[in-house]
């Protein structure tokens, strides 16, 4: 099977061009002339081109007719034999070439199939390699994720332990708050009772305040009246004091006179007292001397009676 783009006409044109250039058309030269093409396909088309070519006329040498006839007969006989052998060999060779060409084309098809399979396998290999790399990357990420999850698990365990401790602390705080709430309710109840009593006391105090205010107003009125009375009494008292002051001045003058006289009398009495003290001291000294004499007599031993 010829490849697309390589036809008999192209191979025949390339072979004619080579003959025109004085070169023998071969598979390699035709392929070089075309620039591409399968060697087996070129061989098949080139064989068909050669079969279509007329044998070249040869100019024979001029011989006698008898010799030429005999020679021609012999040559014809040998040529016929050689031609028959050549044709048989050519037929065998052509059949062999056709078989080889067909086998080559089959091999080329197999090669192309194998090449396509190789390309597919290479693509599959690249895909598998990519998947392997992705799998390795995913495995590394998975391992990293496992490590992160293990770290998160450890953190979660730590947080769980802390949460349990906080729960226990919260329960203790809740119990304390419950007890405090009970105490607060009791204190609130007591406060309400105190407030009620305070309100009662306030009402009593307000009543008393009103009464006291009324009494104060009455007392203020009485004090005002009393103040006016006292002002009048004070006026009369000032008048009496003025009169009494005059009387006291007179009495003070008399008392000063009496005091002068009393001082005189006291001075005289002091002089007499000094004399009396002197006499008293003399009497005391004398009394002491008498007592000393008496003690001396008492201390002397008594004489025996004769």
Protein backbone atom coordinates (compact mmCIF):
# COMPACT_ATOMS: atom_id res chain seq x y z
CA UNK A 1 0.00 0.00 0.00
CA UNK A 2 1.53 3.26 -1.18
CA UNK A 3 1.76 6.16 1.17
CA UNK A 4 -0.51 9.13 0.49
CA UNK A 5 1.09 11.59 -1.95
CA UNK A 6 3.36 9.03 -3.77
CA UNK A 7 1.74 7.98 -7.08
CA UNK A 8 2.88 6.17 -10.22
CA UNK A 9 2.81 9.43 -12.17
CA UNK A 10 5.19 11.08 -9.71
CA UNK A 11 7.58 8.10 -9.77
CA UNK A 12 7.46 7.93 -13.59
CA UNK A 13 8.11 11.70 -13.85
CA UNK A 14 11.10 11.41 -11.50
CA UNK A 15 12.48 8.41 -13.47
CA UNK A 16 12.09 10.27 -16.80
CA UNK A 17 13.89 13.28 -15.28
CA UNK A 18 16.78 11.09 -14.17
CA UNK A 19 17.03 9.46 -17.61
CA UNK A 20 17.05 12.91 -19.16
CA UNK A 21 19.95 13.79 -16.87
CA UNK A 22 21.86 10.73 -18.06
CA UNK A 23 21.43 8.87 -14.79
CA UNK A 24 20.00 5.44 -14.18
CA UNK A 25 16.76 5.66 -12.19
CA UNK A 26 17.13 3.78 -8.92
CA UNK A 27 14.97 3.67 -5.84
CA UNK A 28 17.33 5.95 -3.89
CA UNK A 29 17.69 8.47 -6.74
CA UNK A 30 13.90 8.56 -7.36
CA UNK A 31 13.29 9.03 -3.65
CA UNK A 32 15.94 11.79 -3.54
CA UNK A 33 14.29 13.40 -6.59
CA UNK A 34 10.85 13.26 -4.93
CA UNK A 35 12.18 14.25 -1.52
CA UNK A 36 10.07 11.58 0.24
CA UNK A 37 8.24 8.33 -0.35
CA UNK A 38 8.28 4.72 0.69
CA UNK A 39 11.10 2.69 -0.96
CA UNK A 40 8.74 -0.26 -1.49
CA UNK A 41 6.11 1.92 -3.14
CA UNK A 42 8.79 3.58 -5.31
CA UNK A 43 10.11 0.10 -6.28
CA UNK A 44 6.65 -1.09 -7.34
CA UNK A 45 5.95 2.04 -9.42
CA UNK A 46 9.50 2.03 -10.83
CA UNK A 47 9.08 -1.63 -11.93
CA UNK A 48 5.85 -0.74 -13.71
CA UNK A 49 7.61 2.19 -15.37
CA UNK A 50 10.46 -0.04 -16.61
CA UNK A 51 8.00 -2.59 -18.02
CA UNK A 52 6.34 0.18 -20.01
CA UNK A 53 9.59 1.32 -21.61
CA UNK A 54 10.31 0.08 -25.30
CA UNK A 55 13.65 -1.69 -25.74
CA UNK A 56 16.19 0.57 -27.35
CA UNK A 57 16.99 -0.07 -30.99
CA UNK A 58 20.49 -1.25 -31.66
CA UNK A 59 22.36 -0.68 -34.93
CA UNK A 60 23.77 -4.06 -36.10
CA UNK A 61 26.94 -4.44 -38.10
CA UNK A 62 26.58 -5.20 -41.91
CA UNK A 63 27.26 -8.89 -42.61
CA UNK A 64 26.76 -11.19 -45.63
CA UNK A 65 23.24 -12.33 -46.10
CA UNK A 66 23.92 -16.06 -45.63
CA UNK A 67 26.13 -15.40 -42.60
CA UNK A 68 23.78 -12.81 -41.34
CA UNK A 69 20.87 -15.16 -41.81
CA UNK A 70 22.68 -18.00 -40.07
CA UNK A 71 23.97 -15.69 -37.41
CA UNK A 72 20.56 -14.16 -37.02
CA UNK A 73 18.98 -17.58 -36.79
CA UNK A 74 21.52 -18.65 -34.18
CA UNK A 75 21.24 -15.38 -32.35
CA UNK A 76 17.46 -15.64 -32.52
CA UNK A 77 17.61 -19.16 -31.19
CA UNK A 78 20.03 -18.20 -28.42
CA UNK A 79 18.15 -14.98 -27.80
CA UNK A 80 14.88 -16.85 -27.67
CA UNK A 81 16.38 -19.27 -25.22
CA UNK A 82 18.02 -16.49 -23.27
CA UNK A 83 14.87 -14.42 -23.53
CA UNK A 84 12.80 -17.34 -22.34
CA UNK A 85 15.22 -17.86 -19.45
CA UNK A 86 15.38 -14.11 -18.81
CA UNK A 87 11.65 -13.78 -18.99
CA UNK A 88 11.29 -16.71 -16.62
CA UNK A 89 13.92 -15.17 -14.33
CA UNK A 90 12.35 -11.76 -14.73
CA UNK A 91 8.94 -13.22 -14.02
CA UNK A 92 10.34 -14.94 -10.97
CA UNK A 93 12.20 -11.80 -10.01
CA UNK A 94 9.11 -9.67 -10.68
CA UNK A 95 6.99 -12.03 -8.62
CA UNK A 96 9.66 -12.05 -5.94
CA UNK A 97 9.93 -8.25 -6.09
CA UNK A 98 6.15 -7.92 -5.97
CA UNK A 99 6.08 -10.26 -3.03
CA UNK A 100 8.94 -8.35 -1.43
CA UNK A 101 7.20 -5.05 -2.19
CA UNK A 102 3.94 -6.36 -0.79
CA UNK A 103 5.84 -7.75 2.20
CA UNK A 104 7.69 -4.40 2.51
CA UNK A 105 4.40 -2.53 2.36
CA UNK A 106 2.98 -4.88 4.98
CA UNK A 107 6.11 -4.39 7.05
CA UNK A 108 5.78 -0.63 6.54
CA UNK A 109 2.15 -0.82 7.60
CA UNK A 110 3.23 -2.91 10.58
CA UNK A 111 6.03 -0.43 11.24
CA UNK A 112 3.56 2.44 11.00
CA UNK A 113 1.19 0.51 13.27
CA UNK A 114 4.06 -0.24 15.62
CA UNK A 115 5.17 3.40 15.41
CA UNK A 116 1.63 4.49 16.23
CA UNK A 117 1.59 1.95 19.04
CA UNK A 118 4.99 3.22 20.18
CA UNK A 119 3.67 6.79 20.09
CA UNK A 120 0.56 5.66 21.94
CA UNK A 121 2.75 3.76 24.42
CA UNK A 122 5.02 6.78 24.78
CA UNK A 123 1.95 8.97 25.30
CA UNK A 124 0.61 6.38 27.75
CA UNK A 125 4.05 6.30 29.35
CA UNK A 126 4.06 10.10 29.65
CA UNK A 127 0.53 9.97 30.99
CA UNK A 128 1.43 7.22 33.45
CA UNK A 129 4.61 9.12 34.37
CA UNK A 130 2.54 12.26 34.94
CA UNK A 131 0.02 10.25 36.92
CA UNK A 132 2.88 8.68 38.85
CA UNK A 133 4.36 12.12 39.57
CA UNK A 134 0.90 13.38 40.49
CA UNK A 135 0.41 10.27 42.65
CA UNK A 136 3.77 10.88 44.32
CA UNK A 137 2.88 14.53 44.83
CA UNK A 138 -0.56 13.51 46.08
CA UNK A 139 1.10 10.91 48.35
CA UNK A 140 3.49 13.57 49.69
CA UNK A 141 0.57 15.95 50.17
CA UNK A 142 -1.40 13.11 51.76
CA UNK A 143 1.47 12.36 54.14
CA UNK A 144 1.80 16.07 54.90
CA UNK A 145 -1.96 16.20 55.42
CA UNK A 146 -1.71 13.14 57.69
CA UNK A 147 0.98 14.91 59.72
CA UNK A 148 -1.17 18.04 59.86
CA UNK A 149 -4.18 15.94 60.90
CA UNK A 150 -2.08 14.19 63.55
CA UNK A 151 -0.93 17.60 64.80
CA UNK A 152 -4.54 18.79 64.72
CA UNK A 153 -5.55 15.60 66.56
CA UNK A 154 -2.93 16.29 69.24
CA UNK A 155 -4.11 19.90 69.43
CA UNK A 156 -7.70 18.67 69.61
CA UNK A 157 -6.80 16.30 72.43
CA UNK A 158 -5.04 19.13 74.25
CA UNK A 159 -8.00 21.42 73.64
CA UNK A 160 -10.36 18.65 74.79
CA UNK A 161 -8.39 18.26 78.01
CA UNK A 162 -8.39 22.03 78.48
CA UNK A 163 -12.11 22.11 77.67
CA UNK A 164 -12.73 19.41 80.27
CA UNK A 165 -10.75 21.40 82.81
CA UNK A 166 -12.70 24.52 81.84
CA UNK A 167 -15.96 22.55 82.12
CA UNK A 168 -14.98 21.40 85.58
CA UNK A 169 -14.00 24.95 86.49
CA UNK A 170 -17.27 26.22 85.01
CA UNK A 171 -19.21 23.64 86.97
CA UNK A 172 -17.47 24.75 90.14
CA UNK A 173 -18.13 28.38 89.21
CA UNK A 174 -21.75 27.45 88.43
CA UNK A 175 -22.11 25.86 91.85
CA UNK A 176 -20.52 28.92 93.42
CA UNK A 177 -22.77 31.19 91.36
CA UNK A 178 -25.80 29.09 92.33
CA UNK A 179 -24.84 29.41 96.00
CA UNK A 180 -24.15 33.10 95.50
CA UNK A 181 -27.51 33.47 93.73
CA UNK A 182 -29.24 31.77 96.65
CA UNK A 183 -27.41 34.07 99.04
CA UNK A 184 -28.28 37.04 96.83
CA UNK A 185 -31.93 36.00 96.75
CA UNK A 186 -31.92 35.66 100.52
CA UNK A 187 -30.18 39.02 100.85
CA UNK A 188 -32.62 40.48 98.30
CA UNK A 189 -35.50 39.11 100.35
CA UNK A 190 -33.99 40.62 103.44
CA UNK A 191 -33.38 43.83 101.50
CA UNK A 192 -37.02 43.83 100.41
CA UNK A 193 -38.08 43.31 104.00
CA UNK A 194 -35.72 46.09 105.05
CA UNK A 195 -37.03 48.26 102.24
CA UNK A 196 -40.61 47.63 103.38
CA UNK A 197 -39.63 48.47 106.94
CA UNK A 198 -37.69 51.49 105.69
CA UNK A 199 -40.71 52.62 103.71
CA UNK A 200 -42.84 52.19 106.79
CA UNK A 201 -40.26 54.07 108.86
CA UNK A 202 -40.12 56.71 106.13
CA UNK A 203 -43.88 57.05 106.23
CA UNK A 204 -43.75 57.36 110.02
CA UNK A 205 -40.86 59.80 109.72
CA UNK A 206 -42.72 61.83 107.13
CA UNK A 207 -45.75 61.88 109.44
CA UNK A 208 -43.53 62.89 112.31
CA UNK A 209 -41.76 65.39 110.09
CA UNK A 210 -45.06 66.94 109.12
CA UNK A 211 -46.07 67.03 112.78
CA UNK A 212 -42.67 68.41 113.75
CA UNK A 213 -42.88 70.95 110.95
CA UNK A 214 -46.28 72.00 112.18
CA UNK A 215 -44.96 72.14 115.73
CA UNK A 216 -41.93 74.08 114.47
CA UNK A 217 -44.18 76.54 112.74
CA UNK A 218 -46.26 76.86 115.89
CA UNK A 219 -43.06 77.11 117.93
CA UNK A 220 -41.70 79.73 115.52
CA UNK A 221 -44.92 81.70 115.94
CA UNK A 222 -44.63 81.37 119.71
CA UNK A 223 -40.97 82.34 119.55
CA UNK A 224 -41.85 85.33 117.46
CA UNK A 225 -44.41 86.37 120.01
CA UNK A 226 -41.99 85.58 122.81
CA UNK A 227 -39.25 87.55 121.01
CA UNK A 228 -41.53 90.52 120.79
CA UNK A 229 -42.43 90.12 124.48
CA UNK A 230 -38.78 89.75 125.35
CA UNK A 231 -37.92 92.81 123.35
CA UNK A 232 -40.45 94.67 125.39
CA UNK A 233 -39.10 93.07 128.59
CA UNK A 234 -35.57 93.90 127.48
CA UNK A 235 -36.53 97.50 126.97
CA UNK A 236 -38.00 97.60 130.47
CA UNK A 237 -35.02 95.65 131.79
CA UNK A 238 -32.56 98.08 130.21
CA UNK A 239 -34.44 100.88 131.87
CA UNK A 240 -34.27 99.08 135.22
CA UNK A 241 -30.59 98.28 134.63
CA UNK A 242 -29.82 101.91 134.01
CA UNK A 243 -31.51 102.83 137.23
CA UNK A 244 -29.81 99.93 139.04
CA UNK A 245 -26.44 100.91 137.54
CA UNK A 246 -26.74 104.34 139.01
CA UNK A 247 -27.66 102.80 142.33
CA UNK A 248 -24.69 100.39 142.07
CA UNK A 249 -22.32 103.24 141.31
CA UNK A 250 -23.39 104.94 144.49
CA UNK A 251 -23.07 101.74 146.46
CA UNK A 252 -19.67 101.08 144.78
CA UNK A 253 -18.39 104.41 145.94
CA UNK A 254 -19.58 103.58 149.47
CA UNK A 255 -17.98 100.15 149.25
CA UNK A 256 -14.71 101.66 148.08
CA UNK A 257 -14.76 103.90 151.10
CA UNK A 258 -15.46 100.94 153.32
CA UNK A 259 -12.67 98.99 151.63
CA UNK A 260 -10.23 101.79 152.25
CA UNK A 261 -11.17 101.72 155.83
CA UNK A 262 -10.96 97.93 155.93
CA UNK A 263 -7.49 98.03 154.38
CA UNK A 264 -6.43 100.42 157.06
CA UNK A 265 -7.88 98.19 159.69
CA UNK A 266 -6.22 95.17 158.10
CA UNK A 267 -2.88 96.88 158.07
CA UNK A 268 -3.25 97.61 161.72
CA UNK A 269 -4.39 94.05 162.35
CA UNK A 270 -1.34 92.77 160.42
CA UNK A 271 0.92 94.75 162.61
CA UNK A 272 -0.82 93.36 165.69
CA UNK A 273 -0.62 89.86 164.24
CA UNK A 274 3.12 90.26 163.74
CA UNK A 275 3.48 91.18 167.34
CA UNK A 276 1.29 88.26 168.34
CA UNK A 277 3.35 85.91 166.22
CA UNK A 278 6.52 87.14 167.88
CA UNK A 279 5.02 86.56 171.28
CA UNK A 280 3.75 83.17 170.18
CA UNK A 281 7.21 82.18 168.98
CA UNK A 282 8.72 83.23 172.29
CA UNK A 283 6.07 81.26 174.18
CA UNK A 284 6.71 78.23 171.98
CA UNK A 285 10.45 78.42 172.62
CA UNK A 286 9.86 78.66 176.28
CA UNK A 287 7.40 75.77 176.20
CA UNK A 288 9.91 73.67 174.31
CA UNK A 289 12.61 74.47 176.88
CA UNK A 290 10.28 73.41 179.68
CA UNK A 291 9.45 70.18 177.97
CA UNK A 292 13.16 69.49 177.44
CA UNK A 293 13.83 70.00 181.08
CA UNK A 294 10.96 67.72 182.01
CA UNK A 295 12.31 64.95 179.70
CA UNK A 296 15.72 65.29 181.29
CA UNK A 297 14.24 64.87 184.71
CA UNK A 298 12.28 61.92 183.62
CA UNK A 299 15.37 60.31 182.14
CA UNK A 300 17.39 60.57 185.40
CA UNK A 301 17.27 57.38 187.63
CA UNK A 302 15.27 57.60 190.85
CA UNK A 303 17.22 57.61 194.10
CA UNK A 304 16.45 54.81 196.57
CA UNK A 305 14.55 55.79 199.66
CA UNK A 306 16.53 55.68 203.01
